[in-house]
Amino acid sequence: MTKWKKDCFIIELKLLIDPWQKDILLKRFEIARTLYNTTLSYAVKQYTFMQESKHYRKQLRGYQKAKKTNDSKELKQIAKELDNIRQSFGLSEYQLHAYIKKHQHNYKKHIDSNTYMVR
């Protein structure tokens, strides 16, 4: 059975706003960009630390070996351990939300909690 693709169209309209509204939007976009880059920088740094971890590398090698031998029980066990390691470095979605929440308080006058949490 084949899936039919639906047509998708995009329409772009010029936003008619007052200069003061434009200034507010530009400021909020800049704050959102700053929060995004701060969180991304943190995540990349933590990911690098995780990759340098001997325990992580050992588990990753074990996962690759188990994958070659198709040992599903061992794969699940090692995948769980790798997930625990990832979480220990603060790289889960909720941990990153908690990280950005700390920085969002600096801008709470300009950007609300629903806006900064958007993926």
PDB file of N, CA and C in Angstrom:
ATOM      1  N   MET A   1       0.840  -1.172   0.000  1.00  0.00           N
ATOM      2  CA  MET A   1       0.000   0.000   0.000  1.00  0.00           C
ATOM      3  C   MET A   1       0.888   1.239   0.000  1.00  0.00           C
ATOM      4  N   THR A   2       0.632   2.152  -0.871  1.00  0.00           N
ATOM      5  CA  THR A   2       1.437   3.364  -0.960  1.00  0.00           C
ATOM      6  C   THR A   2       0.732   4.508  -0.246  1.00  0.00           C
ATOM      7  N   LYS A   3       1.514   5.360   0.307  1.00  0.00           N
ATOM      8  CA  LYS A   3       0.962   6.545   0.964  1.00  0.00           C
ATOM      9  C   LYS A   3       0.944   7.685  -0.032  1.00  0.00           C
ATOM     10  N   TRP A   4      -0.152   8.361  -0.068  1.00  0.00           N
ATOM     11  CA  TRP A   4      -0.272   9.520  -0.932  1.00  0.00           C
ATOM     12  C   TRP A   4       0.221  10.742  -0.179  1.00  0.00           C
ATOM     13  N   LYS A   5       1.057  11.495  -0.835  1.00  0.00           N
ATOM     14  CA  LYS A   5       1.534  12.725  -0.232  1.00  0.00           C
ATOM     15  C   LYS A   5       0.507  13.822  -0.450  1.00  0.00           C
ATOM     16  N   LYS A   6       0.292  14.591   0.585  1.00  0.00           N
ATOM     17  CA  LYS A   6      -0.616  15.720   0.470  1.00  0.00           C
ATOM     18  C   LYS A   6       0.172  16.916  -0.048  1.00  0.00           C
ATOM     19  N   ASP A   7      -0.476  17.702  -0.859  1.00  0.00           N
ATOM     20  CA  ASP A   7       0.165  18.918  -1.333  1.00  0.00           C
ATOM     21  C   ASP A   7       0.331  19.879  -0.163  1.00  0.00           C
ATOM     22  N   CYS A   8       1.415  20.584  -0.179  1.00  0.00           N
ATOM     23  CA  CYS A   8       1.697  21.528   0.884  1.00  0.00           C
ATOM     24  C   CYS A   8       2.024  22.873   0.245  1.00  0.00           C
ATOM     25  N   PHE A   9       1.383  23.887   0.720  1.00  0.00           N
ATOM     26  CA  PHE A   9       1.603  25.221   0.183  1.00  0.00           C
ATOM     27  C   PHE A   9       1.961  26.170   1.312  1.00  0.00           C
ATOM     28  N   ILE A  10       2.786  27.134   0.996  1.00  0.00           N
ATOM     29  CA  ILE A  10       3.190  28.138   1.964  1.00  0.00           C
ATOM     30  C   ILE A  10       2.831  29.502   1.395  1.00  0.00           C
ATOM     31  N   ILE A  11       2.252  30.316   2.232  1.00  0.00           N
ATOM     32  CA  ILE A  11       1.941  31.676   1.818  1.00  0.00           C
ATOM     33  C   ILE A  11       2.671  32.616   2.774  1.00  0.00           C
ATOM     34  N   GLU A  12       3.343  33.568   2.224  1.00  0.00           N
ATOM     35  CA  GLU A  12       4.057  34.551   3.028  1.00  0.00           C
ATOM     36  C   GLU A  12       3.363  35.893   2.877  1.00  0.00           C
ATOM     37  N   LEU A  13       3.059  36.499   3.992  1.00  0.00           N
ATOM     38  CA  LEU A  13       2.405  37.801   4.002  1.00  0.00           C
ATOM     39  C   LEU A  13       3.263  38.775   4.794  1.00  0.00           C
ATOM     40  N   LYS A  14       3.287  39.978   4.350  1.00  0.00           N
ATOM     41  CA  LYS A  14       4.036  41.004   5.066  1.00  0.00           C
ATOM     42  C   LYS A  14       3.271  41.365   6.334  1.00  0.00           C
ATOM     43  N   LEU A  15       3.984  41.410   7.431  1.00  0.00           N
ATOM     44  CA  LEU A  15       3.388  41.751   8.715  1.00  0.00           C
ATOM     45  C   LEU A  15       3.374  43.269   8.860  1.00  0.00           C
ATOM     46  N   LEU A  16       2.211  43.809   9.032  1.00  0.00           N
ATOM     47  CA  LEU A  16       2.066  45.256   9.183  1.00  0.00           C
ATOM     48  C   LEU A  16       2.010  45.588  10.664  1.00  0.00           C
ATOM     49  N   ILE A  17       3.090  46.160  11.145  1.00  0.00           N
ATOM     50  CA  ILE A  17       3.170  46.499  12.564  1.00  0.00           C
ATOM     51  C   ILE A  17       3.747  47.899  12.721  1.00  0.00           C
ATOM     52  N   ASP A  18       3.535  48.445  13.895  1.00  0.00           N
ATOM     53  CA  ASP A  18       4.101  49.758  14.224  1.00  0.00           C
ATOM     54  C   ASP A  18       5.582  49.599  14.552  1.00  0.00           C
ATOM     55  N   PRO A  19       6.337  50.680  14.439  1.00  0.00           N
ATOM     56  CA  PRO A  19       7.776  50.595  14.747  1.00  0.00           C
ATOM     57  C   PRO A  19       8.067  50.089  16.165  1.00  0.00           C
ATOM     58  N   TRP A  20       7.267  50.476  17.141  1.00  0.00           N
ATOM     59  CA  TRP A  20       7.506  50.029  18.520  1.00  0.00           C
ATOM     60  C   TRP A  20       7.261  48.522  18.651  1.00  0.00           C
ATOM     61  N   GLN A  21       6.312  47.980  17.885  1.00  0.00           N
ATOM     62  CA  GLN A  21       6.062  46.546  17.902  1.00  0.00           C
ATOM     63  C   GLN A  21       7.228  45.796  17.243  1.00  0.00           C
ATOM     64  N   LYS A  22       7.770  46.397  16.199  1.00  0.00           N
ATOM     65  CA  LYS A  22       8.921  45.797  15.518  1.00  0.00           C
ATOM     66  C   LYS A  22      10.111  45.714  16.472  1.00  0.00           C
ATOM     67  N   ASP A  23      10.332  46.783  17.242  1.00  0.00           N
ATOM     68  CA  ASP A  23      11.433  46.794  18.205  1.00  0.00           C
ATOM     69  C   ASP A  23      11.267  45.695  19.258  1.00  0.00           C
ATOM     70  N   ILE A  24      10.038  45.521  19.735  1.00  0.00           N
ATOM     71  CA  ILE A  24       9.776  44.474  20.734  1.00  0.00           C
ATOM     72  C   ILE A  24      10.050  43.095  20.146  1.00  0.00           C
ATOM     73  N   LEU A  25       9.566  42.853  18.938  1.00  0.00           N
ATOM     74  CA  LEU A  25       9.773  41.560  18.295  1.00  0.00           C
ATOM     75  C   LEU A  25      11.253  41.281  18.056  1.00  0.00           C
ATOM     76  N   LEU A  26      11.980  42.285  17.571  1.00  0.00           N
ATOM     77  CA  LEU A  26      13.411  42.095  17.324  1.00  0.00           C
ATOM     78  C   LEU A  26      14.159  41.777  18.618  1.00  0.00           C
ATOM     79  N   LYS A  27      13.779  42.455  19.706  1.00  0.00           N
ATOM     80  CA  LYS A  27      14.424  42.199  20.987  1.00  0.00           C
ATOM     81  C   LYS A  27      14.128  40.772  21.453  1.00  0.00           C
ATOM     82  N   ARG A  28      12.879  40.343  21.304  1.00  0.00           N
ATOM     83  CA  ARG A  28      12.518  38.987  21.722  1.00  0.00           C
ATOM     84  C   ARG A  28      13.192  37.920  20.859  1.00  0.00           C
ATOM     85  N   PHE A  29      13.297  38.170  19.576  1.00  0.00           N
ATOM     86  CA  PHE A  29      13.996  37.219  18.707  1.00  0.00           C
ATOM     87  C   PHE A  29      15.468  37.118  19.095  1.00  0.00           C
ATOM     88  N   GLU A  30      16.069  38.228  19.442  1.00  0.00           N
ATOM     89  CA  GLU A  30      17.474  38.231  19.858  1.00  0.00           C
ATOM     90  C   GLU A  30      17.652  37.474  21.174  1.00  0.00           C
ATOM     91  N   ILE A  31      16.724  37.666  22.105  1.00  0.00           N
ATOM     92  CA  ILE A  31      16.781  36.940  23.378  1.00  0.00           C
ATOM     93  C   ILE A  31      16.633  35.440  23.131  1.00  0.00           C
ATOM     94  N   ALA A  32      15.687  35.057  22.276  1.00  0.00           N
ATOM     95  CA  ALA A  32      15.480  33.639  21.962  1.00  0.00           C
ATOM     96  C   ALA A  32      16.732  33.045  21.317  1.00  0.00           C
ATOM     97  N   ARG A  33      17.362  33.802  20.429  1.00  0.00           N
ATOM     98  CA  ARG A  33      18.593  33.335  19.792  1.00  0.00           C
ATOM     99  C   ARG A  33      19.688  33.137  20.832  1.00  0.00           C
ATOM    100  N   THR A  34      19.806  34.067  21.754  1.00  0.00           N
ATOM    101  CA  THR A  34      20.814  33.985  22.806  1.00  0.00           C
ATOM    102  C   THR A  34      20.576  32.761  23.692  1.00  0.00           C
ATOM    103  N   LEU A  35      19.317  32.538  24.085  1.00  0.00           N
ATOM    104  CA  LEU A  35      18.991  31.378  24.914  1.00  0.00           C
ATOM    105  C   LEU A  35      19.288  30.073  24.176  1.00  0.00           C
ATOM    106  N   TYR A  36      18.940  30.031  22.907  1.00  0.00           N
ATOM    107  CA  TYR A  36      19.200  28.844  22.095  1.00  0.00           C
ATOM    108  C   TYR A  36      20.700  28.565  22.020  1.00  0.00           C
ATOM    109  N   ASN A  37      21.484  29.586  21.706  1.00  0.00           N
ATOM    110  CA  ASN A  37      22.930  29.406  21.572  1.00  0.00           C
ATOM    111  C   ASN A  37      23.586  29.033  22.901  1.00  0.00           C
ATOM    112  N   THR A  38      23.091  29.595  23.998  1.00  0.00           N
ATOM    113  CA  THR A  38      23.621  29.255  25.322  1.00  0.00           C
ATOM    114  C   THR A  38      23.386  27.783  25.632  1.00  0.00           C
ATOM    115  N   THR A  39      22.161  27.333  25.359  1.00  0.00           N
ATOM    116  CA  THR A  39      21.819  25.929  25.619  1.00  0.00           C
ATOM    117  C   THR A  39      22.585  24.994  24.687  1.00  0.00           C
ATOM    118  N   LEU A  40      22.694  25.365  23.431  1.00  0.00           N
ATOM    119  CA  LEU A  40      23.439  24.547  22.468  1.00  0.00           C
ATOM    120  C   LEU A  40      24.904  24.440  22.870  1.00  0.00           C
ATOM    121  N   SER A  41      25.493  25.538  23.284  1.00  0.00           N
ATOM    122  CA  SER A  41      26.889  25.533  23.708  1.00  0.00           C
ATOM    123  C   SER A  41      27.086  24.603  24.905  1.00  0.00           C
ATOM    124  N   TYR A  42      26.171  24.674  25.866  1.00  0.00           N
ATOM    125  CA  TYR A  42      26.236  23.799  27.038  1.00  0.00           C
ATOM    126  C   TYR A  42      26.124  22.338  26.620  1.00  0.00           C
ATOM    127  N   ALA A  43      25.164  22.028  25.744  1.00  0.00           N
ATOM    128  CA  ALA A  43      24.940  20.644  25.317  1.00  0.00           C
ATOM    129  C   ALA A  43      26.152  20.096  24.569  1.00  0.00           C
ATOM    130  N   VAL A  44      26.739  20.892  23.710  1.00  0.00           N
ATOM    131  CA  VAL A  44      27.921  20.446  22.954  1.00  0.00           C
ATOM    132  C   VAL A  44      29.092  20.197  23.905  1.00  0.00           C
ATOM    133  N   LYS A  45      29.258  21.078  24.879  1.00  0.00           N
ATOM    134  CA  LYS A  45      30.338  20.913  25.857  1.00  0.00           C
ATOM    135  C   LYS A  45      30.138  19.627  26.656  1.00  0.00           C
ATOM    136  N   GLN A  46      28.916  19.394  27.128  1.00  0.00           N
ATOM    137  CA  GLN A  46      28.632  18.187  27.893  1.00  0.00           C
ATOM    138  C   GLN A  46      28.787  16.934  27.041  1.00  0.00           C
ATOM    139  N   TYR A  47      28.383  17.017  25.785  1.00  0.00           N
ATOM    140  CA  TYR A  47      28.518  15.883  24.865  1.00  0.00           C
ATOM    141  C   TYR A  47      29.997  15.553  24.643  1.00  0.00           C
ATOM    142  N   THR A  48      30.814  16.576  24.517  1.00  0.00           N
ATOM    143  CA  THR A  48      32.252  16.370  24.342  1.00  0.00           C
ATOM    144  C   THR A  48      32.845  15.698  25.575  1.00  0.00           C
ATOM    145  N   PHE A  49      32.453  16.171  26.768  1.00  0.00           N
ATOM    146  CA  PHE A  49      32.924  15.544  28.003  1.00  0.00           C
ATOM    147  C   PHE A  49      32.491  14.081  28.064  1.00  0.00           C
ATOM    148  N   MET A  50      31.255  13.822  27.635  1.00  0.00           N
ATOM    149  CA  MET A  50      30.748  12.454  27.662  1.00  0.00           C
ATOM    150  C   MET A  50      31.565  11.569  26.723  1.00  0.00           C
ATOM    151  N   GLN A  51      31.868  12.064  25.533  1.00  0.00           N
ATOM    152  CA  GLN A  51      32.653  11.273  24.574  1.00  0.00           C
ATOM    153  C   GLN A  51      34.060  10.998  25.085  1.00  0.00           C
ATOM    154  N   GLU A  52      34.586  11.882  25.903  1.00  0.00           N
ATOM    155  CA  GLU A  52      35.925  11.687  26.450  1.00  0.00           C
ATOM    156  C   GLU A  52      35.939  10.729  27.639  1.00  0.00           C
ATOM    157  N   SER A  53      34.778  10.425  28.169  1.00  0.00           N
ATOM    158  CA  SER A  53      34.660   9.541  29.325  1.00  0.00           C
ATOM    159  C   SER A  53      35.050   8.108  28.952  1.00  0.00           C
ATOM    160  N   LYS A  54      35.917   7.513  29.753  1.00  0.00           N
ATOM    161  CA  LYS A  54      36.352   6.132  29.501  1.00  0.00           C
ATOM    162  C   LYS A  54      35.178   5.172  29.630  1.00  0.00           C
ATOM    163  N   HIS A  55      34.324   5.404  30.617  1.00  0.00           N
ATOM    164  CA  HIS A  55      33.179   4.520  30.831  1.00  0.00           C
ATOM    165  C   HIS A  55      32.238   4.546  29.624  1.00  0.00           C
ATOM    166  N   TYR A  56      32.003   5.728  29.083  1.00  0.00           N
ATOM    167  CA  TYR A  56      31.136   5.855  27.904  1.00  0.00           C
ATOM    168  C   TYR A  56      31.742   5.114  26.709  1.00  0.00           C
ATOM    169  N   ARG A  57      33.026   5.335  26.466  1.00  0.00           N
ATOM    170  CA  ARG A  57      33.679   4.690  25.320  1.00  0.00           C
ATOM    171  C   ARG A  57      33.668   3.166  25.464  1.00  0.00           C
ATOM    172  N   LYS A  58      33.876   2.689  26.692  1.00  0.00           N
ATOM    173  CA  LYS A  58      33.858   1.244  26.939  1.00  0.00           C
ATOM    174  C   LYS A  58      32.465   0.681  26.638  1.00  0.00           C
ATOM    175  N   GLN A  59      31.423   1.353  27.116  1.00  0.00           N
ATOM    176  CA  GLN A  59      30.057   0.886  26.870  1.00  0.00           C
ATOM    177  C   GLN A  59      29.706   0.961  25.384  1.00  0.00           C
ATOM    178  N   LEU A  60      30.192   1.974  24.710  1.00  0.00           N
ATOM    179  CA  LEU A  60      29.925   2.123  23.284  1.00  0.00           C
ATOM    180  C   LEU A  60      30.570   0.987  22.484  1.00  0.00           C
ATOM    181  N   ARG A  61      31.800   0.631  22.846  1.00  0.00           N
ATOM    182  CA  ARG A  61      32.458  -0.505  22.184  1.00  0.00           C
ATOM    183  C   ARG A  61      31.690  -1.798  22.441  1.00  0.00           C
ATOM    184  N   GLY A  62      31.232  -1.977  23.680  1.00  0.00           N
ATOM    185  CA  GLY A  62      30.441  -3.157  24.012  1.00  0.00           C
ATOM    186  C   GLY A  62      29.136  -3.193  23.230  1.00  0.00           C
ATOM    187  N   TYR A  63      28.529  -2.041  23.027  1.00  0.00           N
ATOM    188  CA  TYR A  63      27.291  -1.962  22.255  1.00  0.00           C
ATOM    189  C   TYR A  63      27.539  -2.365  20.801  1.00  0.00           C
ATOM    190  N   GLN A  64      28.651  -1.883  20.247  1.00  0.00           N
ATOM    191  CA  GLN A  64      28.973  -2.217  18.857  1.00  0.00           C
ATOM    192  C   GLN A  64      29.248  -3.716  18.695  1.00  0.00           C
ATOM    193  N   LYS A  65      29.929  -4.312  19.666  1.00  0.00           N
ATOM    194  CA  LYS A  65      30.194  -5.763  19.621  1.00  0.00           C
ATOM    195  C   LYS A  65      28.890  -6.542  19.727  1.00  0.00           C
ATOM    196  N   ALA A  66      28.024  -6.129  20.647  1.00  0.00           N
ATOM    197  CA  ALA A  66      26.742  -6.824  20.832  1.00  0.00           C
ATOM    198  C   ALA A  66      25.869  -6.682  19.595  1.00  0.00           C
ATOM    199  N   LYS A  67      25.990  -5.570  18.916  1.00  0.00           N
ATOM    200  CA  LYS A  67      25.210  -5.347  17.701  1.00  0.00           C
ATOM    201  C   LYS A  67      25.664  -6.296  16.591  1.00  0.00           C
ATOM    202  N   LYS A  68      26.979  -6.526  16.510  1.00  0.00           N
ATOM    203  CA  LYS A  68      27.513  -7.440  15.494  1.00  0.00           C
ATOM    204  C   LYS A  68      27.058  -8.872  15.740  1.00  0.00           C
ATOM    205  N   THR A  69      26.959  -9.250  17.014  1.00  0.00           N
ATOM    206  CA  THR A  69      26.563 -10.616  17.356  1.00  0.00           C
ATOM    207  C   THR A  69      25.053 -10.775  17.495  1.00  0.00           C
ATOM    208  N   ASN A  70      24.317  -9.697  17.321  1.00  0.00           N
ATOM    209  CA  ASN A  70      22.850  -9.703  17.434  1.00  0.00           C
ATOM    210  C   ASN A  70      22.357 -10.226  18.781  1.00  0.00           C
ATOM    211  N   ASP A  71      23.039  -9.861  19.837  1.00  0.00           N
ATOM    212  CA  ASP A  71      22.648 -10.247  21.193  1.00  0.00           C
ATOM    213  C   ASP A  71      21.699  -9.180  21.741  1.00  0.00           C
ATOM    214  N   SER A  72      20.398  -9.388  21.557  1.00  0.00           N
ATOM    215  CA  SER A  72      19.418  -8.352  21.895  1.00  0.00           C
ATOM    216  C   SER A  72      19.357  -8.076  23.397  1.00  0.00           C
ATOM    217  N   LYS A  73      19.539  -9.092  24.216  1.00  0.00           N
ATOM    218  CA  LYS A  73      19.506  -8.894  25.665  1.00  0.00           C
ATOM    219  C   LYS A  73      20.652  -7.990  26.114  1.00  0.00           C
ATOM    220  N   GLU A  74      21.826  -8.274  25.597  1.00  0.00           N
ATOM    221  CA  GLU A  74      22.994  -7.447  25.949  1.00  0.00           C
ATOM    222  C   GLU A  74      22.862  -6.045  25.358  1.00  0.00           C
ATOM    223  N   LEU A  75      22.302  -5.950  24.145  1.00  0.00           N
ATOM    224  CA  LEU A  75      22.092  -4.638  23.520  1.00  0.00           C
ATOM    225  C   LEU A  75      21.208  -3.758  24.396  1.00  0.00           C
ATOM    226  N   LYS A  76      20.121  -4.325  24.898  1.00  0.00           N
ATOM    227  CA  LYS A  76      19.205  -3.556  25.753  1.00  0.00           C
ATOM    228  C   LYS A  76      19.897  -3.109  27.034  1.00  0.00           C
ATOM    229  N   GLN A  77      20.673  -3.992  27.615  1.00  0.00           N
ATOM    230  CA  GLN A  77      21.366  -3.673  28.865  1.00  0.00           C
ATOM    231  C   GLN A  77      22.385  -2.549  28.640  1.00  0.00           C
ATOM    232  N   ILE A  78      23.159  -2.664  27.582  1.00  0.00           N
ATOM    233  CA  ILE A  78      24.175  -1.641  27.301  1.00  0.00           C
ATOM    234  C   ILE A  78      23.508  -0.334  26.897  1.00  0.00           C
ATOM    235  N   ALA A  79      22.409  -0.391  26.133  1.00  0.00           N
ATOM    236  CA  ALA A  79      21.697   0.823  25.740  1.00  0.00           C
ATOM    237  C   ALA A  79      21.161   1.551  26.971  1.00  0.00           C
ATOM    238  N   LYS A  80      20.687   0.791  27.941  1.00  0.00           N
ATOM    239  CA  LYS A  80      20.208   1.397  29.189  1.00  0.00           C
ATOM    240  C   LYS A  80      21.358   2.079  29.925  1.00  0.00           C
ATOM    241  N   GLU A  81      22.509   1.422  29.957  1.00  0.00           N
ATOM    242  CA  GLU A  81      23.687   2.007  30.613  1.00  0.00           C
ATOM    243  C   GLU A  81      24.141   3.273  29.877  1.00  0.00           C
ATOM    244  N   LEU A  82      24.124   3.233  28.538  1.00  0.00           N
ATOM    245  CA  LEU A  82      24.489   4.422  27.758  1.00  0.00           C
ATOM    246  C   LEU A  82      23.516   5.571  28.026  1.00  0.00           C
ATOM    247  N   ASP A  83      22.239   5.248  28.177  1.00  0.00           N
ATOM    248  CA  ASP A  83      21.247   6.269  28.493  1.00  0.00           C
ATOM    249  C   ASP A  83      21.507   6.863  29.875  1.00  0.00           C
ATOM    250  N   ASN A  84      21.866   6.030  30.836  1.00  0.00           N
ATOM    251  CA  ASN A  84      22.212   6.528  32.177  1.00  0.00           C
ATOM    252  C   ASN A  84      23.420   7.452  32.128  1.00  0.00           C
ATOM    253  N   ILE A  85      24.399   7.086  31.321  1.00  0.00           N
ATOM    254  CA  ILE A  85      25.589   7.927  31.172  1.00  0.00           C
ATOM    255  C   ILE A  85      25.192   9.278  30.560  1.00  0.00           C
ATOM    256  N   ARG A  86      24.361   9.226  29.514  1.00  0.00           N
ATOM    257  CA  ARG A  86      23.910  10.457  28.857  1.00  0.00           C
ATOM    258  C   ARG A  86      23.193  11.360  29.862  1.00  0.00           C
ATOM    259  N   GLN A  87      22.344  10.770  30.674  1.00  0.00           N
ATOM    260  CA  GLN A  87      21.633  11.564  31.668  1.00  0.00           C
ATOM    261  C   GLN A  87      22.565  12.104  32.742  1.00  0.00           C
ATOM    262  N   SER A  88      23.605  11.344  33.073  1.00  0.00           N
ATOM    263  CA  SER A  88      24.554  11.825  34.084  1.00  0.00           C
ATOM    264  C   SER A  88      25.310  13.061  33.604  1.00  0.00           C
ATOM    265  N   PHE A  89      25.373  13.264  32.294  1.00  0.00           N
ATOM    266  CA  PHE A  89      26.014  14.460  31.741  1.00  0.00           C
ATOM    267  C   PHE A  89      24.999  15.568  31.450  1.00  0.00           C
ATOM    268  N   GLY A  90      23.760  15.373  31.869  1.00  0.00           N
ATOM    269  CA  GLY A  90      22.743  16.414  31.716  1.00  0.00           C
ATOM    270  C   GLY A  90      22.231  16.561  30.298  1.00  0.00           C
ATOM    271  N   LEU A  91      22.180  15.480  29.540  1.00  0.00           N
ATOM    272  CA  LEU A  91      21.816  15.578  28.129  1.00  0.00           C
ATOM    273  C   LEU A  91      20.437  15.004  27.800  1.00  0.00           C
ATOM    274  N   SER A  92      19.540  14.973  28.782  1.00  0.00           N
ATOM    275  CA  SER A  92      18.169  14.576  28.465  1.00  0.00           C
ATOM    276  C   SER A  92      17.374  15.853  28.151  1.00  0.00           C
ATOM    277  N   GLU A  93      16.237  15.669  27.520  1.00  0.00           N
ATOM    278  CA  GLU A  93      15.407  16.823  27.156  1.00  0.00           C
ATOM    279  C   GLU A  93      15.029  17.635  28.395  1.00  0.00           C
ATOM    280  N   TYR A  94      14.616  16.948  29.462  1.00  0.00           N
ATOM    281  CA  TYR A  94      14.167  17.646  30.663  1.00  0.00           C
ATOM    282  C   TYR A  94      15.317  18.343  31.382  1.00  0.00           C
ATOM    283  N   GLN A  95      16.495  17.757  31.340  1.00  0.00           N
ATOM    284  CA  GLN A  95      17.653  18.406  31.952  1.00  0.00           C
ATOM    285  C   GLN A  95      18.045  19.665  31.185  1.00  0.00           C
ATOM    286  N   LEU A  96      17.904  19.621  29.864  1.00  0.00           N
ATOM    287  CA  LEU A  96      18.188  20.825  29.076  1.00  0.00           C
ATOM    288  C   LEU A  96      17.126  21.888  29.314  1.00  0.00           C
ATOM    289  N   HIS A  97      15.868  21.481  29.519  1.00  0.00           N
ATOM    290  CA  HIS A  97      14.827  22.445  29.882  1.00  0.00           C
ATOM    291  C   HIS A  97      15.166  23.113  31.210  1.00  0.00           C
ATOM    292  N   ALA A  98      15.628  22.320  32.166  1.00  0.00           N
ATOM    293  CA  ALA A  98      16.006  22.870  33.477  1.00  0.00           C
ATOM    294  C   ALA A  98      17.178  23.835  33.328  1.00  0.00           C
ATOM    295  N   TYR A  99      18.123  23.503  32.452  1.00  0.00           N
ATOM    296  CA  TYR A  99      19.277  24.379  32.229  1.00  0.00           C
ATOM    297  C   TYR A  99      18.843  25.719  31.651  1.00  0.00           C
ATOM    298  N   ILE A 100      17.995  25.684  30.636  1.00  0.00           N
ATOM    299  CA  ILE A 100      17.574  26.932  30.002  1.00  0.00           C
ATOM    300  C   ILE A 100      16.686  27.747  30.932  1.00  0.00           C
ATOM    301  N   LYS A 101      15.974  27.067  31.814  1.00  0.00           N
ATOM    302  CA  LYS A 101      15.096  27.772  32.754  1.00  0.00           C
ATOM    303  C   LYS A 101      15.898  28.702  33.666  1.00  0.00           C
ATOM    304  N   LYS A 102      17.099  28.264  34.032  1.00  0.00           N
ATOM    305  CA  LYS A 102      17.966  29.103  34.867  1.00  0.00           C
ATOM    306  C   LYS A 102      18.294  30.424  34.155  1.00  0.00           C
ATOM    307  N   HIS A 103      18.535  30.344  32.859  1.00  0.00           N
ATOM    308  CA  HIS A 103      18.918  31.523  32.091  1.00  0.00           C
ATOM    309  C   HIS A 103      17.706  32.361  31.681  1.00  0.00           C
ATOM    310  N   GLN A 104      16.549  31.718  31.561  1.00  0.00           N
ATOM    311  CA  GLN A 104      15.347  32.432  31.139  1.00  0.00           C
ATOM    312  C   GLN A 104      14.947  33.474  32.160  1.00  0.00           C
ATOM    313  N   HIS A 105      15.226  33.236  33.435  1.00  0.00           N
ATOM    314  CA  HIS A 105      14.835  34.190  34.476  1.00  0.00           C
ATOM    315  C   HIS A 105      15.463  35.564  34.254  1.00  0.00           C
ATOM    316  N   ASN A 106      16.595  35.606  33.586  1.00  0.00           N
ATOM    317  CA  ASN A 106      17.231  36.894  33.294  1.00  0.00           C
ATOM    318  C   ASN A 106      16.407  37.717  32.310  1.00  0.00           C
ATOM    319  N   TYR A 107      15.549  37.038  31.547  1.00  0.00           N
ATOM    320  CA  TYR A 107      14.795  37.712  30.494  1.00  0.00           C
ATOM    321  C   TYR A 107      13.285  37.612  30.698  1.00  0.00           C
ATOM    322  N   LYS A 108      12.836  37.267  31.905  1.00  0.00           N
ATOM    323  CA  LYS A 108      11.406  37.010  32.098  1.00  0.00           C
ATOM    324  C   LYS A 108      10.533  38.222  31.822  1.00  0.00           C
ATOM    325  N   LYS A 109      11.107  39.399  31.825  1.00  0.00           N
ATOM    326  CA  LYS A 109      10.348  40.608  31.492  1.00  0.00           C
ATOM    327  C   LYS A 109      10.001  40.626  29.996  1.00  0.00           C
ATOM    328  N   HIS A 110      10.832  39.984  29.174  1.00  0.00           N
ATOM    329  CA  HIS A 110      10.671  40.057  27.721  1.00  0.00           C
ATOM    330  C   HIS A 110      10.156  38.775  27.070  1.00  0.00           C
ATOM    331  N   ILE A 111      10.415  37.635  27.708  1.00  0.00           N
ATOM    332  CA  ILE A 111      10.052  36.365  27.083  1.00  0.00           C
ATOM    333  C   ILE A 111       9.469  35.442  28.154  1.00  0.00           C
ATOM    334  N   ASP A 112       8.291  34.897  27.896  1.00  0.00           N
ATOM    335  CA  ASP A 112       7.620  34.078  28.903  1.00  0.00           C
ATOM    336  C   ASP A 112       8.097  32.627  28.874  1.00  0.00           C
ATOM    337  N   SER A 113       7.688  31.860  29.884  1.00  0.00           N
ATOM    338  CA  SER A 113       8.163  30.487  30.012  1.00  0.00           C
ATOM    339  C   SER A 113       7.653  29.598  28.883  1.00  0.00           C
ATOM    340  N   ASN A 114       6.470  29.856  28.350  1.00  0.00           N
ATOM    341  CA  ASN A 114       5.964  29.050  27.248  1.00  0.00           C
ATOM    342  C   ASN A 114       6.772  29.277  25.976  1.00  0.00           C
ATOM    343  N   THR A 115       7.287  30.440  25.794  1.00  0.00           N
ATOM    344  CA  THR A 115       8.057  30.762  24.591  1.00  0.00           C
ATOM    345  C   THR A 115       9.438  30.116  24.622  1.00  0.00           C
ATOM    346  N   TYR A 116      10.134  30.209  25.736  1.00  0.00           N
ATOM    347  CA  TYR A 116      11.488  29.668  25.767  1.00  0.00           C
ATOM    348  C   TYR A 116      11.504  28.147  25.783  1.00  0.00           C
ATOM    349  N   MET A 117      10.402  27.497  26.160  1.00  0.00           N
ATOM    350  CA  MET A 117      10.362  26.034  26.215  1.00  0.00           C
ATOM    351  C   MET A 117      10.008  25.403  24.880  1.00  0.00           C
ATOM    352  N   VAL A 118       9.650  26.188  23.891  1.00  0.00           N
ATOM    353  CA  VAL A 118       9.253  25.645  22.596  1.00  0.00           C
ATOM    354  C   VAL A 118      10.449  24.971  21.947  1.00  0.00           C
ATOM    355  N   ARG A 119      10.196  23.796  21.366  1.00  0.00           N
ATOM    356  CA  ARG A 119      11.268  23.036  20.724  1.00  0.00           C
ATOM    357  C   ARG A 119      11.504  23.532  19.346  1.00  0.00           C
TER     358      ARG A 119
END
